[in-house]
C-alpha cells in the first residue's frame, strides 16, 4: 500500500506512516479544536447574523447564497441531460 501511495506522490510524512498513537492524537486534536474555538467566543460580542441584519447586509449574503445554489442546480441539471443523451447513444 505504501508503494502505491508513493507512486501517487502521497507517501511523505502523512497519516499513513503514523502509528496508532499518532492517529489517535490527530483524531483528538481534530475533535478538540472546534470545542476550543466555541469556548473562546465571548457572549458580550454581537453575533455575526445580528450585525449583518442590523446593517442590511444579510440580504446580500442570502442573495449570493441563492445565486450560487441556483448555479449549482443548473449545472447538475445540464450535466444530467448530457449524461442521459450519452447513455441513449451508447444503447443504440
Foldseek 3Di string as FASTA:
>chain_A
DLVVCVVVVNNDPDPVPDDPVVVVVVVCVVVVVVVVVVVPDDPVDDDPVVVCVVVVNVVVVVVVVVVVVVVVVVVVVVVVVVVVVVVVVVVD
